[in-house]
Amino acid sequence: MRRILVIHGPNLNLLGIREPSIYGTLTLPGLDQGCAAWGDRLGVEVETVQTNHEGAIIDAIQEAGAGFDGIVLNPGAFAHTSYAIADAVAASRIPTVEVHISNIRDREPYRARSVIEPAAV
């Protein structure tokens, strides 16, 4: 069975509480349940992890090579600043999709650009 690692970055543990007008009212456990259901429909095992720490995201990406076929990464605000996460994605050789809950291009100007995007698929 194919395996996908979903990595939720900083502040995503506050989903449902933090700025619901931007991020909605769905909580992280609810999002994780949705990811698992998505995987079930596709016949894919989904594992999720959330961390507020840049290094832990890098560790998860690097360790994913040992058993995952792909990564879904919501780097949160690290999308705009973390060349280290971008480097980890590029080095992993695992197809990685970058996602966001809000449309970063419709937000503040500093959020419109992701430094991770070029390394992702």
PDB file of N, CA and C in Angstrom:
ATOM      1  N   MET A   1       0.846  -1.185   0.000  1.00  0.00           N
ATOM      2  CA  MET A   1       0.000   0.000   0.000  1.00  0.00           C
ATOM      3  C   MET A   1       0.883   1.237   0.000  1.00  0.00           C
ATOM      4  N   ARG A   2       0.508   2.217  -0.786  1.00  0.00           N
ATOM      5  CA  ARG A   2       1.246   3.476  -0.822  1.00  0.00           C
ATOM      6  C   ARG A   2       1.047   4.237   0.482  1.00  0.00           C
ATOM      7  N   ARG A   3       2.074   5.003   0.853  1.00  0.00           N
ATOM      8  CA  ARG A   3       2.014   5.759   2.107  1.00  0.00           C
ATOM      9  C   ARG A   3       2.333   7.224   1.834  1.00  0.00           C
ATOM     10  N   ILE A   4       1.543   8.098   2.421  1.00  0.00           N
ATOM     11  CA  ILE A   4       1.723   9.543   2.298  1.00  0.00           C
ATOM     12  C   ILE A   4       1.903  10.131   3.692  1.00  0.00           C
ATOM     13  N   LEU A   5       2.886  11.001   3.825  1.00  0.00           N
ATOM     14  CA  LEU A   5       3.097  11.730   5.075  1.00  0.00           C
ATOM     15  C   LEU A   5       2.548  13.136   4.897  1.00  0.00           C
ATOM     16  N   VAL A   6       1.653  13.534   5.781  1.00  0.00           N
ATOM     17  CA  VAL A   6       1.119  14.888   5.794  1.00  0.00           C
ATOM     18  C   VAL A   6       1.793  15.627   6.945  1.00  0.00           C
ATOM     19  N   ILE A   7       2.476  16.716   6.603  1.00  0.00           N
ATOM     20  CA  ILE A   7       3.182  17.500   7.614  1.00  0.00           C
ATOM     21  C   ILE A   7       2.470  18.836   7.762  1.00  0.00           C
ATOM     22  N   HIS A   8       1.950  19.079   8.948  1.00  0.00           N
ATOM     23  CA  HIS A   8       1.318  20.353   9.288  1.00  0.00           C
ATOM     24  C   HIS A   8       2.345  21.189  10.040  1.00  0.00           C
ATOM     25  N   GLY A   9       2.593  22.398   9.568  1.00  0.00           N
ATOM     26  CA  GLY A   9       3.597  23.252  10.173  1.00  0.00           C
ATOM     27  C   GLY A   9       3.087  24.107  11.310  1.00  0.00           C
ATOM     28  N   PRO A  10       3.795  25.214  11.565  1.00  0.00           N
ATOM     29  CA  PRO A  10       3.534  26.028  12.756  1.00  0.00           C
ATOM     30  C   PRO A  10       2.137  26.623  12.794  1.00  0.00           C
ATOM     31  N   ASN A  11       1.604  26.619  13.976  1.00  0.00           N
ATOM     32  CA  ASN A  11       0.303  27.206  14.326  1.00  0.00           C
ATOM     33  C   ASN A  11      -0.892  26.427  13.799  1.00  0.00           C
ATOM     34  N   LEU A  12      -0.666  25.355  13.062  1.00  0.00           N
ATOM     35  CA  LEU A  12      -1.811  24.578  12.578  1.00  0.00           C
ATOM     36  C   LEU A  12      -2.481  23.803  13.696  1.00  0.00           C
ATOM     37  N   ASN A  13      -1.798  23.663  14.829  1.00  0.00           N
ATOM     38  CA  ASN A  13      -2.441  23.091  16.007  1.00  0.00           C
ATOM     39  C   ASN A  13      -3.531  24.012  16.547  1.00  0.00           C
ATOM     40  N   LEU A  14      -3.558  25.256  16.087  1.00  0.00           N
ATOM     41  CA  LEU A  14      -4.566  26.226  16.529  1.00  0.00           C
ATOM     42  C   LEU A  14      -5.749  26.342  15.565  1.00  0.00           C
ATOM     43  N   LEU A  15      -5.807  25.448  14.579  1.00  0.00           N
ATOM     44  CA  LEU A  15      -6.944  25.499  13.651  1.00  0.00           C
ATOM     45  C   LEU A  15      -8.253  25.406  14.421  1.00  0.00           C
ATOM     46  N   GLY A  16      -9.211  26.167  13.978  1.00  0.00           N
ATOM     47  CA  GLY A  16     -10.507  26.225  14.647  1.00  0.00           C
ATOM     48  C   GLY A  16     -10.567  27.318  15.692  1.00  0.00           C
ATOM     49  N   ILE A  17      -9.394  27.778  16.139  1.00  0.00           N
ATOM     50  CA  ILE A  17      -9.309  28.838  17.142  1.00  0.00           C
ATOM     51  C   ILE A  17      -8.696  30.093  16.538  1.00  0.00           C
ATOM     52  N   ARG A  18      -7.629  29.918  15.809  1.00  0.00           N
ATOM     53  CA  ARG A  18      -6.853  31.034  15.267  1.00  0.00           C
ATOM     54  C   ARG A  18      -7.530  31.604  14.025  1.00  0.00           C
ATOM     55  N   GLU A  19      -7.906  32.848  14.099  1.00  0.00           N
ATOM     56  CA  GLU A  19      -8.455  33.588  12.965  1.00  0.00           C
ATOM     57  C   GLU A  19      -9.390  32.754  12.080  1.00  0.00           C
ATOM     58  N   PRO A  20     -10.523  32.338  12.633  1.00  0.00           N
ATOM     59  CA  PRO A  20     -11.433  31.498  11.851  1.00  0.00           C
ATOM     60  C   PRO A  20     -11.934  32.172  10.571  1.00  0.00           C
ATOM     61  N   SER A  21     -11.889  33.498  10.518  1.00  0.00           N
ATOM     62  CA  SER A  21     -12.305  34.178   9.288  1.00  0.00           C
ATOM     63  C   SER A  21     -11.333  33.901   8.142  1.00  0.00           C
ATOM     64  N   ILE A  22     -10.117  33.524   8.466  1.00  0.00           N
ATOM     65  CA  ILE A  22      -9.114  33.194   7.443  1.00  0.00           C
ATOM     66  C   ILE A  22      -8.965  31.683   7.302  1.00  0.00           C
ATOM     67  N   TYR A  23      -8.870  30.982   8.438  1.00  0.00           N
ATOM     68  CA  TYR A  23      -8.518  29.565   8.422  1.00  0.00           C
ATOM     69  C   TYR A  23      -9.706  28.630   8.637  1.00  0.00           C
ATOM     70  N   GLY A  24     -10.878  29.180   8.893  1.00  0.00           N
ATOM     71  CA  GLY A  24     -12.059  28.352   9.089  1.00  0.00           C
ATOM     72  C   GLY A  24     -12.170  27.811  10.500  1.00  0.00           C
ATOM     73  N   THR A  25     -13.150  26.963  10.707  1.00  0.00           N
ATOM     74  CA  THR A  25     -13.427  26.432  12.035  1.00  0.00           C
ATOM     75  C   THR A  25     -13.047  24.963  12.193  1.00  0.00           C
ATOM     76  N   LEU A  26     -12.573  24.345  11.135  1.00  0.00           N
ATOM     77  CA  LEU A  26     -12.135  22.958  11.221  1.00  0.00           C
ATOM     78  C   LEU A  26     -10.903  22.875  12.122  1.00  0.00           C
ATOM     79  N   THR A  27     -10.896  21.934  13.042  1.00  0.00           N
ATOM     80  CA  THR A  27      -9.766  21.747  13.953  1.00  0.00           C
ATOM     81  C   THR A  27      -8.730  20.826  13.317  1.00  0.00           C
ATOM     82  N   LEU A  28      -7.538  20.783  13.891  1.00  0.00           N
ATOM     83  CA  LEU A  28      -6.502  19.885  13.385  1.00  0.00           C
ATOM     84  C   LEU A  28      -6.940  18.421  13.458  1.00  0.00           C
ATOM     85  N   PRO A  29      -7.536  17.957  14.566  1.00  0.00           N
ATOM     86  CA  PRO A  29      -8.018  16.564  14.552  1.00  0.00           C
ATOM     87  C   PRO A  29      -9.047  16.315  13.445  1.00  0.00           C
ATOM     88  N   GLY A  30      -9.896  17.292  13.195  1.00  0.00           N
ATOM     89  CA  GLY A  30     -10.861  17.149  12.108  1.00  0.00           C
ATOM     90  C   GLY A  30     -10.181  17.083  10.747  1.00  0.00           C
ATOM     91  N   LEU A  31      -9.160  17.906  10.563  1.00  0.00           N
ATOM     92  CA  LEU A  31      -8.403  17.880   9.316  1.00  0.00           C
ATOM     93  C   LEU A  31      -7.687  16.540   9.157  1.00  0.00           C
ATOM     94  N   ASP A  32      -7.098  16.057  10.238  1.00  0.00           N
ATOM     95  CA  ASP A  32      -6.428  14.754  10.173  1.00  0.00           C
ATOM     96  C   ASP A  32      -7.408  13.640   9.817  1.00  0.00           C
ATOM     97  N   GLN A  33      -8.607  13.695  10.372  1.00  0.00           N
ATOM     98  CA  GLN A  33      -9.634  12.696  10.029  1.00  0.00           C
ATOM     99  C   GLN A  33      -9.989  12.788   8.547  1.00  0.00           C
ATOM    100  N   GLY A  34     -10.085  14.004   8.027  1.00  0.00           N
ATOM    101  CA  GLY A  34     -10.361  14.192   6.606  1.00  0.00           C
ATOM    102  C   GLY A  34      -9.246  13.640   5.737  1.00  0.00           C
ATOM    103  N   CYS A  35      -8.013  13.837   6.168  1.00  0.00           N
ATOM    104  CA  CYS A  35      -6.869  13.297   5.421  1.00  0.00           C
ATOM    105  C   CYS A  35      -6.898  11.775   5.414  1.00  0.00           C
ATOM    106  N   ALA A  36      -7.219  11.173   6.550  1.00  0.00           N
ATOM    107  CA  ALA A  36      -7.304   9.713   6.636  1.00  0.00           C
ATOM    108  C   ALA A  36      -8.421   9.188   5.736  1.00  0.00           C
ATOM    109  N   ALA A  37      -9.559   9.875   5.728  1.00  0.00           N
ATOM    110  CA  ALA A  37     -10.673   9.461   4.866  1.00  0.00           C
ATOM    111  C   ALA A  37     -10.290   9.584   3.393  1.00  0.00           C
ATOM    112  N   TRP A  38      -9.583  10.661   3.045  1.00  0.00           N
ATOM    113  CA  TRP A  38      -9.084  10.851   1.683  1.00  0.00           C
ATOM    114  C   TRP A  38      -8.187   9.676   1.300  1.00  0.00           C
ATOM    115  N   GLY A  39      -7.285   9.303   2.196  1.00  0.00           N
ATOM    116  CA  GLY A  39      -6.409   8.174   1.935  1.00  0.00           C
ATOM    117  C   GLY A  39      -7.174   6.878   1.756  1.00  0.00           C
ATOM    118  N   ASP A  40      -8.169   6.651   2.609  1.00  0.00           N
ATOM    119  CA  ASP A  40      -8.981   5.438   2.498  1.00  0.00           C
ATOM    120  C   ASP A  40      -9.647   5.351   1.130  1.00  0.00           C
ATOM    121  N   ARG A  41     -10.194   6.477   0.668  1.00  0.00           N
ATOM    122  CA  ARG A  41     -10.853   6.486  -0.650  1.00  0.00           C
ATOM    123  C   ARG A  41      -9.877   6.160  -1.771  1.00  0.00           C
ATOM    124  N   LEU A  42      -8.632   6.554  -1.601  1.00  0.00           N
ATOM    125  CA  LEU A  42      -7.623   6.326  -2.642  1.00  0.00           C
ATOM    126  C   LEU A  42      -6.813   5.052  -2.435  1.00  0.00           C
ATOM    127  N   GLY A  43      -7.059   4.348  -1.338  1.00  0.00           N
ATOM    128  CA  GLY A  43      -6.271   3.166  -1.030  1.00  0.00           C
ATOM    129  C   GLY A  43      -4.846   3.502  -0.632  1.00  0.00           C
ATOM    130  N   VAL A  44      -4.693   4.613   0.084  1.00  0.00           N
ATOM    131  CA  VAL A  44      -3.390   5.112   0.503  1.00  0.00           C
ATOM    132  C   VAL A  44      -3.378   5.250   2.023  1.00  0.00           C
ATOM    133  N   GLU A  45      -2.312   4.797   2.648  1.00  0.00           N
ATOM    134  CA  GLU A  45      -2.161   5.006   4.086  1.00  0.00           C
ATOM    135  C   GLU A  45      -1.639   6.421   4.312  1.00  0.00           C
ATOM    136  N   VAL A  46      -2.289   7.153   5.196  1.00  0.00           N
ATOM    137  CA  VAL A  46      -1.906   8.533   5.488  1.00  0.00           C
ATOM    138  C   VAL A  46      -1.470   8.640   6.938  1.00  0.00           C
ATOM    139  N   GLU A  47      -0.294   9.198   7.135  1.00  0.00           N
ATOM    140  CA  GLU A  47       0.193   9.499   8.478  1.00  0.00           C
ATOM    141  C   GLU A  47       0.338  11.010   8.572  1.00  0.00           C
ATOM    142  N   THR A  48      -0.076  11.579   9.695  1.00  0.00           N
ATOM    143  CA  THR A  48       0.014  13.031   9.864  1.00  0.00           C
ATOM    144  C   THR A  48       0.903  13.372  11.051  1.00  0.00           C
ATOM    145  N   VAL A  49       1.544  14.524  10.939  1.00  0.00           N
ATOM    146  CA  VAL A  49       2.369  15.047  12.021  1.00  0.00           C
ATOM    147  C   VAL A  49       2.223  16.566  12.003  1.00  0.00           C
ATOM    148  N   GLN A  50       2.223  17.175  13.183  1.00  0.00           N
ATOM    149  CA  GLN A  50       2.193  18.631  13.294  1.00  0.00           C
ATOM    150  C   GLN A  50       3.311  19.054  14.211  1.00  0.00           C
ATOM    151  N   THR A  51       4.006  20.112  13.814  1.00  0.00           N
ATOM    152  CA  THR A  51       5.045  20.668  14.662  1.00  0.00           C
ATOM    153  C   THR A  51       5.167  22.160  14.415  1.00  0.00           C
ATOM    154  N   ASN A  52       5.548  22.863  15.448  1.00  0.00           N
ATOM    155  CA  ASN A  52       5.800  24.297  15.337  1.00  0.00           C
ATOM    156  C   ASN A  52       7.283  24.580  15.108  1.00  0.00           C
ATOM    157  N   HIS A  53       8.094  23.542  14.930  1.00  0.00           N
ATOM    158  CA  HIS A  53       9.545  23.692  14.900  1.00  0.00           C
ATOM    159  C   HIS A  53      10.116  23.371  13.517  1.00  0.00           C
ATOM    160  N   GLU A  54      10.853  24.313  12.973  1.00  0.00           N
ATOM    161  CA  GLU A  54      11.430  24.171  11.641  1.00  0.00           C
ATOM    162  C   GLU A  54      12.296  22.919  11.539  1.00  0.00           C
ATOM    163  N   GLY A  55      13.148  22.694  12.499  1.00  0.00           N
ATOM    164  CA  GLY A  55      14.028  21.529  12.460  1.00  0.00           C
ATOM    165  C   GLY A  55      13.260  20.217  12.478  1.00  0.00           C
ATOM    166  N   ALA A  56      12.160  20.173  13.203  1.00  0.00           N
ATOM    167  CA  ALA A  56      11.345  18.955  13.249  1.00  0.00           C
ATOM    168  C   ALA A  56      10.695  18.681  11.891  1.00  0.00           C
ATOM    169  N   ILE A  57      10.332  19.742  11.172  1.00  0.00           N
ATOM    170  CA  ILE A  57       9.791  19.569   9.821  1.00  0.00           C
ATOM    171  C   ILE A  57      10.876  18.984   8.925  1.00  0.00           C
ATOM    172  N   ILE A  58      12.078  19.523   9.010  1.00  0.00           N
ATOM    173  CA  ILE A  58      13.202  19.023   8.216  1.00  0.00           C
ATOM    174  C   ILE A  58      13.479  17.561   8.559  1.00  0.00           C
ATOM    175  N   ASP A  59      13.490  17.232   9.844  1.00  0.00           N
ATOM    176  CA  ASP A  59      13.697  15.841  10.255  1.00  0.00           C
ATOM    177  C   ASP A  59      12.630  14.933   9.659  1.00  0.00           C
ATOM    178  N   ALA A  60      11.371  15.346   9.707  1.00  0.00           N
ATOM    179  CA  ALA A  60      10.275  14.524   9.179  1.00  0.00           C
ATOM    180  C   ALA A  60      10.437  14.306   7.678  1.00  0.00           C
ATOM    181  N   ILE A  61      10.834  15.344   6.957  1.00  0.00           N
ATOM    182  CA  ILE A  61      11.047  15.212   5.512  1.00  0.00           C
ATOM    183  C   ILE A  61      12.186  14.238   5.246  1.00  0.00           C
ATOM    184  N   GLN A  62      13.289  14.400   5.951  1.00  0.00           N
ATOM    185  CA  GLN A  62      14.441  13.526   5.739  1.00  0.00           C
ATOM    186  C   GLN A  62      14.121  12.076   6.095  1.00  0.00           C
ATOM    187  N   GLU A  63      13.372  11.863   7.166  1.00  0.00           N
ATOM    188  CA  GLU A  63      13.036  10.508   7.597  1.00  0.00           C
ATOM    189  C   GLU A  63      11.968   9.865   6.716  1.00  0.00           C
ATOM    190  N   ALA A  64      11.216  10.653   5.981  1.00  0.00           N
ATOM    191  CA  ALA A  64      10.144  10.123   5.140  1.00  0.00           C
ATOM    192  C   ALA A  64      10.673   9.207   4.048  1.00  0.00           C
ATOM    193  N   GLY A  65      11.909   9.382   3.646  1.00  0.00           N
ATOM    194  CA  GLY A  65      12.489   8.538   2.607  1.00  0.00           C
ATOM    195  C   GLY A  65      12.537   7.072   2.977  1.00  0.00           C
ATOM    196  N   ALA A  66      12.426   6.786   4.251  1.00  0.00           N
ATOM    197  CA  ALA A  66      12.504   5.404   4.724  1.00  0.00           C
ATOM    198  C   ALA A  66      11.183   4.655   4.633  1.00  0.00           C
ATOM    199  N   GLY A  67      10.147   5.253   4.073  1.00  0.00           N
ATOM    200  CA  GLY A  67       8.909   4.480   4.022  1.00  0.00           C
ATOM    201  C   GLY A  67       7.706   5.185   3.463  1.00  0.00           C
ATOM    202  N   PHE A  68       7.877   6.377   2.913  1.00  0.00           N
ATOM    203  CA  PHE A  68       6.737   7.093   2.352  1.00  0.00           C
ATOM    204  C   PHE A  68       6.931   7.305   0.856  1.00  0.00           C
ATOM    205  N   ASP A  69       5.824   7.309   0.144  1.00  0.00           N
ATOM    206  CA  ASP A  69       5.849   7.503  -1.302  1.00  0.00           C
ATOM    207  C   ASP A  69       5.646   8.955  -1.698  1.00  0.00           C
ATOM    208  N   GLY A  70       5.185   9.768  -0.770  1.00  0.00           N
ATOM    209  CA  GLY A  70       4.958  11.174  -1.051  1.00  0.00           C
ATOM    210  C   GLY A  70       4.716  11.940   0.230  1.00  0.00           C
ATOM    211  N   ILE A  71       4.823  13.259   0.098  1.00  0.00           N
ATOM    212  CA  ILE A  71       4.616  14.156   1.237  1.00  0.00           C
ATOM    213  C   ILE A  71       3.636  15.235   0.816  1.00  0.00           C
ATOM    214  N   VAL A  72       2.695  15.534   1.696  1.00  0.00           N
ATOM    215  CA  VAL A  72       1.852  16.721   1.575  1.00  0.00           C
ATOM    216  C   VAL A  72       2.303  17.638   2.700  1.00  0.00           C
ATOM    217  N   LEU A  73       2.788  18.809   2.327  1.00  0.00           N
ATOM    218  CA  LEU A  73       3.413  19.716   3.284  1.00  0.00           C
ATOM    219  C   LEU A  73       2.683  21.043   3.332  1.00  0.00           C
ATOM    220  N   ASN A  74       2.187  21.387   4.518  1.00  0.00           N
ATOM    221  CA  ASN A  74       1.704  22.743   4.763  1.00  0.00           C
ATOM    222  C   ASN A  74       2.738  23.372   5.682  1.00  0.00           C
ATOM    223  N   PRO A  75       3.680  24.136   5.110  1.00  0.00           N
ATOM    224  CA  PRO A  75       4.752  24.691   5.923  1.00  0.00           C
ATOM    225  C   PRO A  75       4.346  25.918   6.715  1.00  0.00           C
ATOM    226  N   GLY A  76       3.092  26.362   6.601  1.00  0.00           N
ATOM    227  CA  GLY A  76       2.682  27.566   7.303  1.00  0.00           C
ATOM    228  C   GLY A  76       3.565  28.731   6.901  1.00  0.00           C
ATOM    229  N   ALA A  77       3.857  29.593   7.841  1.00  0.00           N
ATOM    230  CA  ALA A  77       4.660  30.784   7.554  1.00  0.00           C
ATOM    231  C   ALA A  77       6.085  30.451   7.140  1.00  0.00           C
ATOM    232  N   PHE A  78       6.555  29.219   7.411  1.00  0.00           N
ATOM    233  CA  PHE A  78       7.887  28.845   6.943  1.00  0.00           C
ATOM    234  C   PHE A  78       7.962  28.835   5.414  1.00  0.00           C
ATOM    235  N   ALA A  79       6.821  28.800   4.746  1.00  0.00           N
ATOM    236  CA  ALA A  79       6.814  28.843   3.280  1.00  0.00           C
ATOM    237  C   ALA A  79       7.519  30.084   2.760  1.00  0.00           C
ATOM    238  N   HIS A  80       7.480  31.144   3.523  1.00  0.00           N
ATOM    239  CA  HIS A  80       7.997  32.429   3.066  1.00  0.00           C
ATOM    240  C   HIS A  80       9.434  32.678   3.488  1.00  0.00           C
ATOM    241  N   THR A  81       9.973  31.822   4.360  1.00  0.00           N
ATOM    242  CA  THR A  81      11.283  32.119   4.938  1.00  0.00           C
ATOM    243  C   THR A  81      12.266  30.957   4.954  1.00  0.00           C
ATOM    244  N   SER A  82      11.800  29.727   4.850  1.00  0.00           N
ATOM    245  CA  SER A  82      12.676  28.599   5.164  1.00  0.00           C
ATOM    246  C   SER A  82      13.312  27.958   3.935  1.00  0.00           C
ATOM    247  N   TYR A  83      14.486  28.461   3.606  1.00  0.00           N
ATOM    248  CA  TYR A  83      15.270  27.810   2.561  1.00  0.00           C
ATOM    249  C   TYR A  83      15.737  26.444   3.043  1.00  0.00           C
ATOM    250  N   ALA A  84      15.862  26.268   4.346  1.00  0.00           N
ATOM    251  CA  ALA A  84      16.273  24.975   4.893  1.00  0.00           C
ATOM    252  C   ALA A  84      15.219  23.908   4.611  1.00  0.00           C
ATOM    253  N   ILE A  85      13.945  24.242   4.762  1.00  0.00           N
ATOM    254  CA  ILE A  85      12.886  23.279   4.428  1.00  0.00           C
ATOM    255  C   ILE A  85      12.873  23.040   2.924  1.00  0.00           C
ATOM    256  N   ALA A  86      13.043  24.087   2.127  1.00  0.00           N
ATOM    257  CA  ALA A  86      13.103  23.921   0.671  1.00  0.00           C
ATOM    258  C   ALA A  86      14.241  22.979   0.288  1.00  0.00           C
ATOM    259  N   ASP A  87      15.394  23.145   0.912  1.00  0.00           N
ATOM    260  CA  ASP A  87      16.534  22.268   0.636  1.00  0.00           C
ATOM    261  C   ASP A  87      16.221  20.821   1.011  1.00  0.00           C
ATOM    262  N   ALA A  88      15.537  20.622   2.134  1.00  0.00           N
ATOM    263  CA  ALA A  88      15.176  19.267   2.561  1.00  0.00           C
ATOM    264  C   ALA A  88      14.217  18.625   1.569  1.00  0.00           C
ATOM    265  N   VAL A  89      13.245  19.396   1.088  1.00  0.00           N
ATOM    266  CA  VAL A  89      12.303  18.883   0.084  1.00  0.00           C
ATOM    267  C   VAL A  89      13.060  18.486  -1.174  1.00  0.00           C
ATOM    268  N   ALA A  90      13.942  19.357  -1.647  1.00  0.00           N
ATOM    269  CA  ALA A  90      14.704  19.070  -2.860  1.00  0.00           C
ATOM    270  C   ALA A  90      15.590  17.844  -2.688  1.00  0.00           C
ATOM    271  N   ALA A  91      16.198  17.697  -1.529  1.00  0.00           N
ATOM    272  CA  ALA A  91      17.104  16.574  -1.291  1.00  0.00           C
ATOM    273  C   ALA A  91      16.372  15.261  -1.075  1.00  0.00           C
ATOM    274  N   SER A  92      15.109  15.314  -0.686  1.00  0.00           N
ATOM    275  CA  SER A  92      14.387  14.099  -0.306  1.00  0.00           C
ATOM    276  C   SER A  92      14.105  13.181  -1.485  1.00  0.00           C
ATOM    277  N   ARG A  93      13.953  13.741  -2.662  1.00  0.00           N
ATOM    278  CA  ARG A  93      13.601  12.970  -3.860  1.00  0.00           C
ATOM    279  C   ARG A  93      12.260  12.270  -3.721  1.00  0.00           C
ATOM    280  N   ILE A  94      11.464  12.707  -2.772  1.00  0.00           N
ATOM    281  CA  ILE A  94      10.104  12.202  -2.596  1.00  0.00           C
ATOM    282  C   ILE A  94       9.175  13.268  -3.149  1.00  0.00           C
ATOM    283  N   PRO A  95       8.241  12.905  -4.009  1.00  0.00           N
ATOM    284  CA  PRO A  95       7.312  13.932  -4.494  1.00  0.00           C
ATOM    285  C   PRO A  95       6.627  14.619  -3.321  1.00  0.00           C
ATOM    286  N   THR A  96       6.735  15.939  -3.283  1.00  0.00           N
ATOM    287  CA  THR A  96       6.181  16.733  -2.198  1.00  0.00           C
ATOM    288  C   THR A  96       5.267  17.790  -2.772  1.00  0.00           C
ATOM    289  N   VAL A  97       4.047  17.822  -2.262  1.00  0.00           N
ATOM    290  CA  VAL A  97       3.065  18.817  -2.667  1.00  0.00           C
ATOM    291  C   VAL A  97       2.943  19.827  -1.539  1.00  0.00           C
ATOM    292  N   GLU A  98       3.117  21.101  -1.872  1.00  0.00           N
ATOM    293  CA  GLU A  98       2.939  22.171  -0.883  1.00  0.00           C
ATOM    294  C   GLU A  98       1.487  22.634  -0.923  1.00  0.00           C
ATOM    295  N   VAL A  99       0.864  22.704   0.240  1.00  0.00           N
ATOM    296  CA  VAL A  99      -0.526  23.153   0.344  1.00  0.00           C
ATOM    297  C   VAL A  99      -0.637  24.220   1.427  1.00  0.00           C
ATOM    298  N   HIS A 100      -1.701  24.989   1.336  1.00  0.00           N
ATOM    299  CA  HIS A 100      -2.012  25.996   2.354  1.00  0.00           C
ATOM    300  C   HIS A 100      -3.515  26.022   2.552  1.00  0.00           C
ATOM    301  N   ILE A 101      -3.947  26.382   3.729  1.00  0.00           N
ATOM    302  CA  ILE A 101      -5.381  26.469   4.009  1.00  0.00           C
ATOM    303  C   ILE A 101      -5.967  27.741   3.427  1.00  0.00           C
ATOM    304  N   SER A 102      -5.216  28.822   3.470  1.00  0.00           N
ATOM    305  CA  SER A 102      -5.666  30.067   2.847  1.00  0.00           C
ATOM    306  C   SER A 102      -4.904  30.254   1.536  1.00  0.00           C
ATOM    307  N   ASN A 103      -5.396  31.122   0.695  1.00  0.00           N
ATOM    308  CA  ASN A 103      -4.722  31.427  -0.563  1.00  0.00           C
ATOM    309  C   ASN A 103      -3.629  32.452  -0.273  1.00  0.00           C
ATOM    310  N   ILE A 104      -2.383  32.012  -0.256  1.00  0.00           N
ATOM    311  CA  ILE A 104      -1.286  32.903   0.131  1.00  0.00           C
ATOM    312  C   ILE A 104      -1.132  34.071  -0.843  1.00  0.00           C
ATOM    313  N   ARG A 105      -1.580  33.911  -2.056  1.00  0.00           N
ATOM    314  CA  ARG A 105      -1.441  34.992  -3.037  1.00  0.00           C
ATOM    315  C   ARG A 105      -2.503  36.081  -2.874  1.00  0.00           C
ATOM    316  N   ASP A 106      -3.524  35.795  -2.087  1.00  0.00           N
ATOM    317  CA  ASP A 106      -4.570  36.789  -1.812  1.00  0.00           C
ATOM    318  C   ASP A 106      -4.424  37.407  -0.430  1.00  0.00           C
ATOM    319  N   ARG A 107      -3.288  37.182   0.205  1.00  0.00           N
ATOM    320  CA  ARG A 107      -3.066  37.682   1.560  1.00  0.00           C
ATOM    321  C   ARG A 107      -2.072  38.827   1.539  1.00  0.00           C
ATOM    322  N   GLU A 108      -1.423  39.069   2.651  1.00  0.00           N
ATOM    323  CA  GLU A 108      -0.429  40.131   2.749  1.00  0.00           C
ATOM    324  C   GLU A 108       0.682  39.894   1.722  1.00  0.00           C
ATOM    325  N   PRO A 109       1.287  40.977   1.215  1.00  0.00           N
ATOM    326  CA  PRO A 109       2.317  40.830   0.176  1.00  0.00           C
ATOM    327  C   PRO A 109       3.462  39.886   0.564  1.00  0.00           C
ATOM    328  N   TYR A 110       3.876  39.904   1.828  1.00  0.00           N
ATOM    329  CA  TYR A 110       4.989  39.033   2.214  1.00  0.00           C
ATOM    330  C   TYR A 110       4.622  37.559   2.165  1.00  0.00           C
ATOM    331  N   ARG A 111       3.323  37.249   2.161  1.00  0.00           N
ATOM    332  CA  ARG A 111       2.894  35.853   2.103  1.00  0.00           C
ATOM    333  C   ARG A 111       2.740  35.337   0.673  1.00  0.00           C
ATOM    334  N   ALA A 112       2.809  36.216  -0.310  1.00  0.00           N
ATOM    335  CA  ALA A 112       2.496  35.842  -1.685  1.00  0.00           C
ATOM    336  C   ALA A 112       3.546  34.934  -2.320  1.00  0.00           C
ATOM    337  N   ARG A 113       4.723  34.882  -1.756  1.00  0.00           N
ATOM    338  CA  ARG A 113       5.805  34.106  -2.352  1.00  0.00           C
ATOM    339  C   ARG A 113       6.210  32.981  -1.413  1.00  0.00           C
ATOM    340  N   SER A 114       6.350  31.789  -1.972  1.00  0.00           N
ATOM    341  CA  SER A 114       6.836  30.641  -1.217  1.00  0.00           C
ATOM    342  C   SER A 114       8.228  30.281  -1.710  1.00  0.00           C
ATOM    343  N   VAL A 115       9.177  30.206  -0.793  1.00  0.00           N
ATOM    344  CA  VAL A 115      10.521  29.766  -1.156  1.00  0.00           C
ATOM    345  C   VAL A 115      10.607  28.254  -1.288  1.00  0.00           C
ATOM    346  N   ILE A 116       9.580  27.562  -0.833  1.00  0.00           N
ATOM    347  CA  ILE A 116       9.536  26.094  -0.920  1.00  0.00           C
ATOM    348  C   ILE A 116       8.962  25.643  -2.251  1.00  0.00           C
ATOM    349  N   GLU A 117       8.094  26.442  -2.828  1.00  0.00           N
ATOM    350  CA  GLU A 117       7.381  26.079  -4.056  1.00  0.00           C
ATOM    351  C   GLU A 117       8.288  25.519  -5.160  1.00  0.00           C
ATOM    352  N   PRO A 118       9.441  26.125  -5.455  1.00  0.00           N
ATOM    353  CA  PRO A 118      10.271  25.576  -6.546  1.00  0.00           C
ATOM    354  C   PRO A 118      10.750  24.145  -6.323  1.00  0.00           C
ATOM    355  N   ALA A 119      10.851  23.721  -5.070  1.00  0.00           N
ATOM    356  CA  ALA A 119      11.308  22.365  -4.761  1.00  0.00           C
ATOM    357  C   ALA A 119      10.168  21.355  -4.749  1.00  0.00           C
ATOM    358  N   ALA A 120       8.951  21.856  -4.666  1.00  0.00           N
ATOM    359  CA  ALA A 120       7.781  20.968  -4.585  1.00  0.00           C
ATOM    360  C   ALA A 120       7.224  20.676  -5.976  1.00  0.00           C
ATOM    361  N   VAL A 121       6.365  19.668  -6.035  1.00  0.00           N
ATOM    362  CA  VAL A 121       5.713  19.349  -7.297  1.00  0.00           C
ATOM    363  C   VAL A 121       4.328  19.941  -7.350  1.00  0.00           C
TER     364      VAL A 121
END
